[in-house]
Amino acid sequence: MEQERLGRREQDILALERRVFAGPGAKERAIREELGLAPVRYYQLLNALLDDPRALAHDPVTVNRLRRVRERRRAER
């Protein structure tokens, strides 16, 4: 059986994570304007996506980079 694909919102979240933002607040503004999400909700969804095998299959470079960042932050606590 073929694995389900990511939904549009999940794909959009990963696409936003691939971008580079200039200046403070630019990413949060893009989250609100482009995705219609509060930043807190965005980061909840992103964190769940990092554990989703469909996300890894869709964009392994971005997901693995974000997993490394998450693990580094956890280790620093």
C-alpha atoms as a PDB file:
ATOM      1  CA  MET A   1       0.000   0.000   0.000  1.00  0.00           C
ATOM      2  CA  GLU A   2       1.324   3.436  -0.943  1.00  0.00           C
ATOM      3  CA  GLN A   3       1.920   5.850   1.902  1.00  0.00           C
ATOM      4  CA  GLU A   4      -0.418   8.823   2.096  1.00  0.00           C
ATOM      5  CA  ARG A   5       0.973  12.114   0.889  1.00  0.00           C
ATOM      6  CA  LEU A   6       1.267  15.215   3.019  1.00  0.00           C
ATOM      7  CA  GLY A   7      -1.619  17.631   2.926  1.00  0.00           C
ATOM      8  CA  ARG A   8      -1.321  21.086   1.429  1.00  0.00           C
ATOM      9  CA  ARG A   9      -0.860  22.781   4.813  1.00  0.00           C
ATOM     10  CA  GLU A  10       1.922  20.384   5.825  1.00  0.00           C
ATOM     11  CA  GLN A  11       3.678  20.948   2.500  1.00  0.00           C
ATOM     12  CA  ASP A  12       3.324  24.723   2.961  1.00  0.00           C
ATOM     13  CA  ILE A  13       4.842  24.529   6.449  1.00  0.00           C
ATOM     14  CA  LEU A  14       7.894  22.673   5.124  1.00  0.00           C
ATOM     15  CA  ALA A  15       8.191  25.114   2.224  1.00  0.00           C
ATOM     16  CA  LEU A  16       8.190  28.033   4.656  1.00  0.00           C
ATOM     17  CA  GLU A  17      10.937  26.319   6.688  1.00  0.00           C
ATOM     18  CA  ARG A  18      13.141  26.148   3.568  1.00  0.00           C
ATOM     19  CA  ARG A  19      13.084  29.934   3.217  1.00  0.00           C
ATOM     20  CA  VAL A  20      15.458  32.483   4.735  1.00  0.00           C
ATOM     21  CA  PHE A  21      13.885  35.474   6.451  1.00  0.00           C
ATOM     22  CA  ALA A  22      15.430  38.907   6.816  1.00  0.00           C
ATOM     23  CA  GLY A  23      14.972  40.703  10.081  1.00  0.00           C
ATOM     24  CA  PRO A  24      13.135  39.960  13.295  1.00  0.00           C
ATOM     25  CA  GLY A  25       9.476  39.134  12.992  1.00  0.00           C
ATOM     26  CA  ALA A  26       9.577  38.424   9.253  1.00  0.00           C
ATOM     27  CA  LYS A  27       9.013  34.684   9.680  1.00  0.00           C
ATOM     28  CA  GLU A  28       6.166  35.171  12.169  1.00  0.00           C
ATOM     29  CA  ARG A  29       4.540  37.652   9.786  1.00  0.00           C
ATOM     30  CA  ALA A  30       4.794  35.137   6.926  1.00  0.00           C
ATOM     31  CA  ILE A  31       3.291  32.427   9.156  1.00  0.00           C
ATOM     32  CA  ARG A  32       0.281  34.643   9.896  1.00  0.00           C
ATOM     33  CA  GLU A  33      -0.189  36.113   6.412  1.00  0.00           C
ATOM     34  CA  GLU A  34       0.568  33.105   4.216  1.00  0.00           C
ATOM     35  CA  LEU A  35      -0.645  30.214   6.360  1.00  0.00           C
ATOM     36  CA  GLY A  36      -3.247  31.969   8.510  1.00  0.00           C
ATOM     37  CA  LEU A  37      -1.820  30.416  11.654  1.00  0.00           C
ATOM     38  CA  ALA A  38      -0.734  31.818  14.997  1.00  0.00           C
ATOM     39  CA  PRO A  39       3.030  31.226  15.380  1.00  0.00           C
ATOM     40  CA  VAL A  40       2.470  29.033  18.462  1.00  0.00           C
ATOM     41  CA  ARG A  41       0.137  26.744  16.485  1.00  0.00           C
ATOM     42  CA  TYR A  42       2.564  26.732  13.554  1.00  0.00           C
ATOM     43  CA  TYR A  43       5.410  25.502  15.739  1.00  0.00           C
ATOM     44  CA  GLN A  44       3.156  22.820  17.294  1.00  0.00           C
ATOM     45  CA  LEU A  45       2.286  21.553  13.814  1.00  0.00           C
ATOM     46  CA  LEU A  46       5.915  21.755  12.675  1.00  0.00           C
ATOM     47  CA  ASN A  47       7.126  19.777  15.673  1.00  0.00           C
ATOM     48  CA  ALA A  48       4.575  17.036  14.980  1.00  0.00           C
ATOM     49  CA  LEU A  49       5.588  17.042  11.296  1.00  0.00           C
ATOM     50  CA  LEU A  50       9.206  16.323  12.197  1.00  0.00           C
ATOM     51  CA  ASP A  51       8.090  12.940  13.550  1.00  0.00           C
ATOM     52  CA  ASP A  52       5.901  12.144  10.529  1.00  0.00           C
ATOM     53  CA  PRO A  53       7.481   9.678   8.062  1.00  0.00           C
ATOM     54  CA  ARG A  54       5.510  11.331   5.235  1.00  0.00           C
ATOM     55  CA  ALA A  55       7.300  14.621   5.938  1.00  0.00           C
ATOM     56  CA  LEU A  56      10.669  12.887   5.848  1.00  0.00           C
ATOM     57  CA  ALA A  57       9.774  11.296   2.503  1.00  0.00           C
ATOM     58  CA  HIS A  58       8.531  14.651   1.118  1.00  0.00           C
ATOM     59  CA  ASP A  59      11.521  16.789   2.156  1.00  0.00           C
ATOM     60  CA  PRO A  60      14.315  14.796   3.824  1.00  0.00           C
ATOM     61  CA  VAL A  61      16.864  17.635   3.784  1.00  0.00           C
ATOM     62  CA  THR A  62      14.630  20.109   5.615  1.00  0.00           C
ATOM     63  CA  VAL A  63      13.186  17.555   8.045  1.00  0.00           C
ATOM     64  CA  ASN A  64      16.599  16.151   8.980  1.00  0.00           C
ATOM     65  CA  ARG A  65      18.029  19.667   9.460  1.00  0.00           C
ATOM     66  CA  LEU A  66      15.130  20.633  11.726  1.00  0.00           C
ATOM     67  CA  ARG A  67      15.429  17.373  13.670  1.00  0.00           C
ATOM     68  CA  ARG A  68      19.104  18.135  14.329  1.00  0.00           C
ATOM     69  CA  VAL A  69      18.219  21.640  15.533  1.00  0.00           C
ATOM     70  CA  ARG A  70      15.494  20.235  17.803  1.00  0.00           C
ATOM     71  CA  GLU A  71      17.840  17.631  19.296  1.00  0.00           C
ATOM     72  CA  ARG A  72      20.557  20.241  19.884  1.00  0.00           C
ATOM     73  CA  ARG A  73      18.081  22.469  21.721  1.00  0.00           C
ATOM     74  CA  ARG A  74      16.824  19.573  23.840  1.00  0.00           C
ATOM     75  CA  ALA A  75      20.393  18.647  24.774  1.00  0.00           C
ATOM     76  CA  GLU A  76      21.107  22.241  25.866  1.00  0.00           C
ATOM     77  CA  ARG A  77      18.240  22.224  28.381  1.00  0.00           C
END
